Structures are given as structure tokens and as C-alpha cells.
Amino acid sequence: MSHVLGSLGATNILASGALSKKDKGKGKMTEPEQPSKEKVLEQMSVQLARDLEARFAQEDQIITKQVKRDSEIVKPT
């Protein structure tokens, strides 16, 4: 069951303030500010440096464990 507003119903809605005649919802579209290329490159470089530092630290731990294990194998008993 659908309801169709007649001209009287539409007038009542407009008069009640539910819809404004002046505001048609066509506000200005504002684009978000894009960071400069230099800023993006700097952020990428910082992230890459962090990733490499974490990878090197992980590899260092692995090597340290291997050296410790190898030195225990070589020890004369």
C-alpha cells in the first residue's frame, strides 16, 4: 500500500519546516587536502627505515641464537 502526497500534503510538509525551499542540499563539495609528494616520500622513507630496522633486529637475534647453539656443540666436554 503506497501513499502519494497530493499538492496539499506537500504544502503541509514544506510549511512545517521539514523541508526548506531554499536549501536544496547542494552544498559546496570540498576536496580533502592532499599531502605533497615530498611529505609522502618522507613518510614512506620513515616506514621503510622502521621495517628494515625490525628485520635487521630479527635477523640479529637468529644469528645470535645460532652462534650460541654452535658454540655449545663445539665445546669439549
PDB file of N, CA and C in Angstrom:
ATOM      1  N   MET A   1       0.843  -1.164   0.000  1.00  0.00           N
ATOM      2  CA  MET A   1       0.000   0.000   0.000  1.00  0.00           C
ATOM      3  C   MET A   1       0.900   1.243   0.000  1.00  0.00           C
ATOM      4  N   SER A   2       0.846   2.011  -1.023  1.00  0.00           N
ATOM      5  CA  SER A   2       1.705   3.185  -1.092  1.00  0.00           C
ATOM      6  C   SER A   2       0.877   4.447  -0.951  1.00  0.00           C
ATOM      7  N   HIS A   3       1.528   5.442  -0.397  1.00  0.00           N
ATOM      8  CA  HIS A   3       0.867   6.730  -0.194  1.00  0.00           C
ATOM      9  C   HIS A   3       1.467   7.738  -1.159  1.00  0.00           C
ATOM     10  N   VAL A   4       0.625   8.456  -1.816  1.00  0.00           N
ATOM     11  CA  VAL A   4       1.072   9.508  -2.723  1.00  0.00           C
ATOM     12  C   VAL A   4       0.605  10.828  -2.147  1.00  0.00           C
ATOM     13  N   LEU A   5       1.549  11.745  -2.004  1.00  0.00           N
ATOM     14  CA  LEU A   5       1.198  13.056  -1.467  1.00  0.00           C
ATOM     15  C   LEU A   5       0.569  13.910  -2.557  1.00  0.00           C
ATOM     16  N   GLY A   6      -0.517  14.485  -2.236  1.00  0.00           N
ATOM     17  CA  GLY A   6      -1.123  15.449  -3.147  1.00  0.00           C
ATOM     18  C   GLY A   6      -0.470  16.794  -2.931  1.00  0.00           C
ATOM     19  N   SER A   7      -0.886  17.763  -3.651  1.00  0.00           N
ATOM     20  CA  SER A   7      -0.294  19.091  -3.513  1.00  0.00           C
ATOM     21  C   SER A   7      -0.544  19.662  -2.128  1.00  0.00           C
ATOM     22  N   LEU A   8      -1.662  19.319  -1.505  1.00  0.00           N
ATOM     23  CA  LEU A   8      -1.971  19.801  -0.161  1.00  0.00           C
ATOM     24  C   LEU A   8      -1.018  19.177   0.859  1.00  0.00           C
ATOM     25  N   GLY A   9      -0.750  17.878   0.721  1.00  0.00           N
ATOM     26  CA  GLY A   9       0.177  17.199   1.634  1.00  0.00           C
ATOM     27  C   GLY A   9       1.585  17.737   1.500  1.00  0.00           C
ATOM     28  N   ALA A  10       2.027  17.961   0.275  1.00  0.00           N
ATOM     29  CA  ALA A  10       3.360  18.508   0.043  1.00  0.00           C
ATOM     30  C   ALA A  10       3.468  19.911   0.611  1.00  0.00           C
ATOM     31  N   THR A  11       2.420  20.696   0.488  1.00  0.00           N
ATOM     32  CA  THR A  11       2.413  22.050   1.041  1.00  0.00           C
ATOM     33  C   THR A  11       2.526  22.003   2.553  1.00  0.00           C
ATOM     34  N   ASN A  12       1.836  21.062   3.183  1.00  0.00           N
ATOM     35  CA  ASN A  12       1.913  20.929   4.640  1.00  0.00           C
ATOM     36  C   ASN A  12       3.326  20.567   5.092  1.00  0.00           C
ATOM     37  N   ILE A  13       3.983  19.685   4.367  1.00  0.00           N
ATOM     38  CA  ILE A  13       5.351  19.297   4.738  1.00  0.00           C
ATOM     39  C   ILE A  13       6.282  20.492   4.595  1.00  0.00           C
ATOM     40  N   LEU A  14       6.167  21.221   3.504  1.00  0.00           N
ATOM     41  CA  LEU A  14       7.023  22.392   3.304  1.00  0.00           C
ATOM     42  C   LEU A  14       6.748  23.458   4.351  1.00  0.00           C
ATOM     43  N   ALA A  15       5.503  23.655   4.702  1.00  0.00           N
ATOM     44  CA  ALA A  15       5.136  24.673   5.685  1.00  0.00           C
ATOM     45  C   ALA A  15       5.597  24.280   7.076  1.00  0.00           C
ATOM     46  N   SER A  16       5.665  22.987   7.340  1.00  0.00           N
ATOM     47  CA  SER A  16       6.058  22.549   8.680  1.00  0.00           C
ATOM     48  C   SER A  16       7.552  22.733   8.926  1.00  0.00           C
ATOM     49  N   GLY A  17       8.313  22.938   7.885  1.00  0.00           N
ATOM     50  CA  GLY A  17       9.751  23.138   8.062  1.00  0.00           C
ATOM     51  C   GLY A  17      10.537  21.855   7.897  1.00  0.00           C
ATOM     52  N   ALA A  18       9.891  20.756   7.578  1.00  0.00           N
ATOM     53  CA  ALA A  18      10.605  19.503   7.375  1.00  0.00           C
ATOM     54  C   ALA A  18      11.550  19.620   6.185  1.00  0.00           C
ATOM     55  N   LEU A  19      11.114  20.288   5.161  1.00  0.00           N
ATOM     56  CA  LEU A  19      11.959  20.549   4.005  1.00  0.00           C
ATOM     57  C   LEU A  19      11.966  22.044   3.756  1.00  0.00           C
ATOM     58  N   SER A  20      13.103  22.597   3.512  1.00  0.00           N
ATOM     59  CA  SER A  20      13.200  24.025   3.246  1.00  0.00           C
ATOM     60  C   SER A  20      13.220  24.254   1.742  1.00  0.00           C
ATOM     61  N   LYS A  21      12.534  25.259   1.300  1.00  0.00           N
ATOM     62  CA  LYS A  21      12.508  25.571  -0.126  1.00  0.00           C
ATOM     63  C   LYS A  21      13.871  26.080  -0.590  1.00  0.00           C
ATOM     64  N   LYS A  22      14.571  26.812   0.260  1.00  0.00           N
ATOM     65  CA  LYS A  22      15.842  27.411  -0.132  1.00  0.00           C
ATOM     66  C   LYS A  22      16.968  26.380  -0.165  1.00  0.00           C
ATOM     67  N   ASP A  23      17.020  25.488   0.809  1.00  0.00           N
ATOM     68  CA  ASP A  23      18.103  24.516   0.896  1.00  0.00           C
ATOM     69  C   ASP A  23      17.760  23.304   0.047  1.00  0.00           C
ATOM     70  N   LYS A  24      18.470  23.149  -1.038  1.00  0.00           N
ATOM     71  CA  LYS A  24      18.225  22.012  -1.916  1.00  0.00           C
ATOM     72  C   LYS A  24      19.301  20.942  -1.741  1.00  0.00           C
ATOM     73  N   GLY A  25      20.100  21.064  -0.700  1.00  0.00           N
ATOM     74  CA  GLY A  25      21.133  20.073  -0.438  1.00  0.00           C
ATOM     75  C   GLY A  25      22.295  20.134  -1.406  1.00  0.00           C
ATOM     76  N   LYS A  26      22.489  21.259  -2.021  1.00  0.00           N
ATOM     77  CA  LYS A  26      23.566  21.399  -2.989  1.00  0.00           C
ATOM     78  C   LYS A  26      24.689  22.237  -2.397  1.00  0.00           C
ATOM     79  N   GLY A  27      25.270  21.750  -1.322  1.00  0.00           N
ATOM     80  CA  GLY A  27      26.371  22.465  -0.698  1.00  0.00           C
ATOM     81  C   GLY A  27      27.629  22.348  -1.536  1.00  0.00           C
ATOM     82  N   LYS A  28      28.619  23.144  -1.214  1.00  0.00           N
ATOM     83  CA  LYS A  28      29.876  23.089  -1.937  1.00  0.00           C
ATOM     84  C   LYS A  28      30.622  21.823  -1.553  1.00  0.00           C
ATOM     85  N   MET A  29      31.160  21.172  -2.549  1.00  0.00           N
ATOM     86  CA  MET A  29      31.946  19.966  -2.334  1.00  0.00           C
ATOM     87  C   MET A  29      33.383  20.394  -2.069  1.00  0.00           C
ATOM     88  N   THR A  30      33.911  20.022  -0.940  1.00  0.00           N
ATOM     89  CA  THR A  30      35.290  20.367  -0.628  1.00  0.00           C
ATOM     90  C   THR A  30      36.133  19.111  -0.713  1.00  0.00           C
ATOM     91  N   GLU A  31      37.226  19.214  -1.416  1.00  0.00           N
ATOM     92  CA  GLU A  31      38.145  18.094  -1.563  1.00  0.00           C
ATOM     93  C   GLU A  31      39.074  18.055  -0.354  1.00  0.00           C
ATOM     94  N   PRO A  32      39.364  16.860   0.149  1.00  0.00           N
ATOM     95  CA  PRO A  32      40.319  16.780   1.253  1.00  0.00           C
ATOM     96  C   PRO A  32      41.703  17.214   0.765  1.00  0.00           C
ATOM     97  N   GLU A  33      42.431  17.832   1.654  1.00  0.00           N
ATOM     98  CA  GLU A  33      43.744  18.343   1.288  1.00  0.00           C
ATOM     99  C   GLU A  33      44.703  17.183   1.063  1.00  0.00           C
ATOM    100  N   GLN A  34      45.367  17.179  -0.082  1.00  0.00           N
ATOM    101  CA  GLN A  34      46.303  16.121  -0.427  1.00  0.00           C
ATOM    102  C   GLN A  34      47.700  16.505   0.067  1.00  0.00           C
ATOM    103  N   PRO A  35      48.411  15.561   0.708  1.00  0.00           N
ATOM    104  CA  PRO A  35      49.774  15.877   1.142  1.00  0.00           C
ATOM    105  C   PRO A  35      50.693  16.009  -0.077  1.00  0.00           C
ATOM    106  N   SER A  36      51.738  16.787   0.084  1.00  0.00           N
ATOM    107  CA  SER A  36      52.664  16.999  -1.022  1.00  0.00           C
ATOM    108  C   SER A  36      53.457  15.720  -1.286  1.00  0.00           C
ATOM    109  N   LYS A  37      54.045  15.647  -2.468  1.00  0.00           N
ATOM    110  CA  LYS A  37      54.829  14.465  -2.837  1.00  0.00           C
ATOM    111  C   LYS A  37      56.010  14.283  -1.895  1.00  0.00           C
ATOM    112  N   GLU A  38      56.619  15.400  -1.504  1.00  0.00           N
ATOM    113  CA  GLU A  38      57.768  15.326  -0.608  1.00  0.00           C
ATOM    114  C   GLU A  38      57.366  14.723   0.737  1.00  0.00           C
ATOM    115  N   LYS A  39      56.208  15.124   1.225  1.00  0.00           N
ATOM    116  CA  LYS A  39      55.714  14.624   2.510  1.00  0.00           C
ATOM    117  C   LYS A  39      55.433  13.123   2.418  1.00  0.00           C
ATOM    118  N   VAL A  40      54.822  12.706   1.316  1.00  0.00           N
ATOM    119  CA  VAL A  40      54.521  11.288   1.119  1.00  0.00           C
ATOM    120  C   VAL A  40      55.810  10.482   1.039  1.00  0.00           C
ATOM    121  N   LEU A  41      56.789  10.981   0.287  1.00  0.00           N
ATOM    122  CA  LEU A  41      58.069  10.280   0.174  1.00  0.00           C
ATOM    123  C   LEU A  41      58.773  10.190   1.519  1.00  0.00           C
ATOM    124  N   GLU A  42      58.699  11.259   2.297  1.00  0.00           N
ATOM    125  CA  GLU A  42      59.315  11.248   3.625  1.00  0.00           C
ATOM    126  C   GLU A  42      58.653  10.194   4.512  1.00  0.00           C
ATOM    127  N   GLN A  43      57.329  10.138   4.488  1.00  0.00           N
ATOM    128  CA  GLN A  43      56.610   9.149   5.297  1.00  0.00           C
ATOM    129  C   GLN A  43      56.955   7.725   4.858  1.00  0.00           C
ATOM    130  N   MET A  44      57.068   7.518   3.548  1.00  0.00           N
ATOM    131  CA  MET A  44      57.424   6.192   3.044  1.00  0.00           C
ATOM    132  C   MET A  44      58.837   5.813   3.469  1.00  0.00           C
ATOM    133  N   SER A  45      59.749   6.772   3.436  1.00  0.00           N
ATOM    134  CA  SER A  45      61.129   6.513   3.838  1.00  0.00           C
ATOM    135  C   SER A  45      61.207   6.153   5.315  1.00  0.00           C
ATOM    136  N   VAL A  46      60.459   6.863   6.138  1.00  0.00           N
ATOM    137  CA  VAL A  46      60.446   6.580   7.574  1.00  0.00           C
ATOM    138  C   VAL A  46      59.898   5.181   7.828  1.00  0.00           C
ATOM    139  N   GLN A  47      58.822   4.817   7.136  1.00  0.00           N
ATOM    140  CA  GLN A  47      58.230   3.488   7.313  1.00  0.00           C
ATOM    141  C   GLN A  47      59.193   2.402   6.845  1.00  0.00           C
ATOM    142  N   LEU A  48      59.862   2.622   5.724  1.00  0.00           N
ATOM    143  CA  LEU A  48      60.835   1.659   5.218  1.00  0.00           C
ATOM    144  C   LEU A  48      61.979   1.484   6.204  1.00  0.00           C
ATOM    145  N   ALA A  49      62.460   2.587   6.780  1.00  0.00           N
ATOM    146  CA  ALA A  49      63.540   2.514   7.765  1.00  0.00           C
ATOM    147  C   ALA A  49      63.105   1.705   8.984  1.00  0.00           C
ATOM    148  N   ARG A  50      61.875   1.908   9.446  1.00  0.00           N
ATOM    149  CA  ARG A  50      61.372   1.133  10.590  1.00  0.00           C
ATOM    150  C   ARG A  50      61.297  -0.352  10.257  1.00  0.00           C
ATOM    151  N   ASP A  51      60.792  -0.656   9.067  1.00  0.00           N
ATOM    152  CA  ASP A  51      60.665  -2.055   8.658  1.00  0.00           C
ATOM    153  C   ASP A  51      62.032  -2.728   8.564  1.00  0.00           C
ATOM    154  N   LEU A  52      62.993  -2.027   7.962  1.00  0.00           N
ATOM    155  CA  LEU A  52      64.338  -2.590   7.843  1.00  0.00           C
ATOM    156  C   LEU A  52      64.986  -2.779   9.209  1.00  0.00           C
ATOM    157  N   GLU A  53      64.797  -1.821  10.086  1.00  0.00           N
ATOM    158  CA  GLU A  53      65.362  -1.927  11.430  1.00  0.00           C
ATOM    159  C   GLU A  53      64.788  -3.142  12.159  1.00  0.00           C
ATOM    160  N   ALA A  54      63.497  -3.359  12.034  1.00  0.00           N
ATOM    161  CA  ALA A  54      62.869  -4.513  12.679  1.00  0.00           C
ATOM    162  C   ALA A  54      63.384  -5.813  12.070  1.00  0.00           C
ATOM    163  N   ARG A  55      63.541  -5.831  10.750  1.00  0.00           N
ATOM    164  CA  ARG A  55      64.040  -7.043  10.091  1.00  0.00           C
ATOM    165  C   ARG A  55      65.479  -7.339  10.510  1.00  0.00           C
ATOM    166  N   PHE A  56      66.324  -6.305  10.570  1.00  0.00           N
ATOM    167  CA  PHE A  56      67.712  -6.497  10.980  1.00  0.00           C
ATOM    168  C   PHE A  56      67.798  -6.984  12.422  1.00  0.00           C
ATOM    169  N   ALA A  57      66.954  -6.454  13.289  1.00  0.00           N
ATOM    170  CA  ALA A  57      66.946  -6.890  14.684  1.00  0.00           C
ATOM    171  C   ALA A  57      66.542  -8.359  14.778  1.00  0.00           C
ATOM    172  N   GLN A  58      65.567  -8.762  13.990  1.00  0.00           N
ATOM    173  CA  GLN A  58      65.116 -10.154  13.999  1.00  0.00           C
ATOM    174  C   GLN A  58      66.224 -11.075  13.474  1.00  0.00           C
ATOM    175  N   GLU A  59      66.875 -10.678  12.391  1.00  0.00           N
ATOM    176  CA  GLU A  59      67.970 -11.477  11.845  1.00  0.00           C
ATOM    177  C   GLU A  59      69.132 -11.556  12.829  1.00  0.00           C
ATOM    178  N   ASP A  60      69.393 -10.467  13.540  1.00  0.00           N
ATOM    179  CA  ASP A  60      70.461 -10.456  14.539  1.00  0.00           C
ATOM    180  C   ASP A  60      70.169 -11.447  15.660  1.00  0.00           C
ATOM    181  N   GLN A  61      68.909 -11.515  16.096  1.00  0.00           N
ATOM    182  CA  GLN A  61      68.533 -12.479  17.132  1.00  0.00           C
ATOM    183  C   GLN A  61      68.727 -13.908  16.639  1.00  0.00           C
ATOM    184  N   ILE A  62      68.359 -14.172  15.403  1.00  0.00           N
ATOM    185  CA  ILE A  62      68.514 -15.517  14.845  1.00  0.00           C
ATOM    186  C   ILE A  62      69.982 -15.897  14.788  1.00  0.00           C
ATOM    187  N   ILE A  63      70.823 -14.993  14.318  1.00  0.00           N
ATOM    188  CA  ILE A  63      72.258 -15.262  14.222  1.00  0.00           C
ATOM    189  C   ILE A  63      72.851 -15.482  15.604  1.00  0.00           C
ATOM    190  N   THR A  64      72.446 -14.668  16.580  1.00  0.00           N
ATOM    191  CA  THR A  64      72.948 -14.822  17.947  1.00  0.00           C
ATOM    192  C   THR A  64      72.583 -16.195  18.500  1.00  0.00           C
ATOM    193  N   LYS A  65      71.366 -16.643  18.278  1.00  0.00           N
ATOM    194  CA  LYS A  65      70.951 -17.976  18.743  1.00  0.00           C
ATOM    195  C   LYS A  65      71.753 -19.071  18.055  1.00  0.00           C
ATOM    196  N   GLN A  66      72.002 -18.918  16.754  1.00  0.00           N
ATOM    197  CA  GLN A  66      72.770 -19.918  16.021  1.00  0.00           C
ATOM    198  C   GLN A  66      74.207 -19.988  16.522  1.00  0.00           C
ATOM    199  N   VAL A  67      74.809 -18.835  16.769  1.00  0.00           N
ATOM    200  CA  VAL A  67      76.183 -18.799  17.271  1.00  0.00           C
ATOM    201  C   VAL A  67      76.250 -19.455  18.642  1.00  0.00           C
ATOM    202  N   LYS A  68      75.289 -19.156  19.494  1.00  0.00           N
ATOM    203  CA  LYS A  68      75.257 -19.750  20.830  1.00  0.00           C
ATOM    204  C   LYS A  68      75.110 -21.267  20.731  1.00  0.00           C
ATOM    205  N   ARG A  69      74.210 -21.724  19.868  1.00  0.00           N
ATOM    206  CA  ARG A  69      73.994 -23.158  19.709  1.00  0.00           C
ATOM    207  C   ARG A  69      75.245 -23.832  19.143  1.00  0.00           C
ATOM    208  N   ASP A  70      75.876 -23.207  18.154  1.00  0.00           N
ATOM    209  CA  ASP A  70      77.076 -23.771  17.552  1.00  0.00           C
ATOM    210  C   ASP A  70      78.229 -23.815  18.548  1.00  0.00           C
ATOM    211  N   SER A  71      78.342 -22.786  19.393  1.00  0.00           N
ATOM    212  CA  SER A  71      79.434 -22.776  20.370  1.00  0.00           C
ATOM    213  C   SER A  71      79.230 -23.854  21.424  1.00  0.00           C
ATOM    214  N   GLU A  72      78.001 -24.198  21.741  1.00  0.00           N
ATOM    215  CA  GLU A  72      77.736 -25.275  22.698  1.00  0.00           C
ATOM    216  C   GLU A  72      78.066 -26.633  22.096  1.00  0.00           C
ATOM    217  N   ILE A  73      77.879 -26.776  20.803  1.00  0.00           N
ATOM    218  CA  ILE A  73      78.191 -28.040  20.131  1.00  0.00           C
ATOM    219  C   ILE A  73      79.696 -28.249  20.081  1.00  0.00           C
ATOM    220  N   VAL A  74      80.462 -27.207  19.860  1.00  0.00           N
ATOM    221  CA  VAL A  74      81.904 -27.292  19.687  1.00  0.00           C
ATOM    222  C   VAL A  74      82.637 -27.448  21.014  1.00  0.00           C
ATOM    223  N   LYS A  75      82.048 -27.061  22.129  1.00  0.00           N
ATOM    224  CA  LYS A  75      82.727 -27.119  23.426  1.00  0.00           C
ATOM    225  C   LYS A  75      83.175 -28.544  23.743  1.00  0.00           C
ATOM    226  N   PRO A  76      84.436 -28.666  24.131  1.00  0.00           N
ATOM    227  CA  PRO A  76      84.884 -30.003  24.562  1.00  0.00           C
ATOM    228  C   PRO A  76      84.328 -30.302  25.957  1.00  0.00           C
ATOM    229  N   THR A  77      83.895 -31.498  26.155  1.00  0.00           N
ATOM    230  CA  THR A  77      83.342 -31.868  27.463  1.00  0.00           C
ATOM    231  C   THR A  77      84.285 -32.665  28.289  1.00  0.00           C
TER     232      THR A  77
END
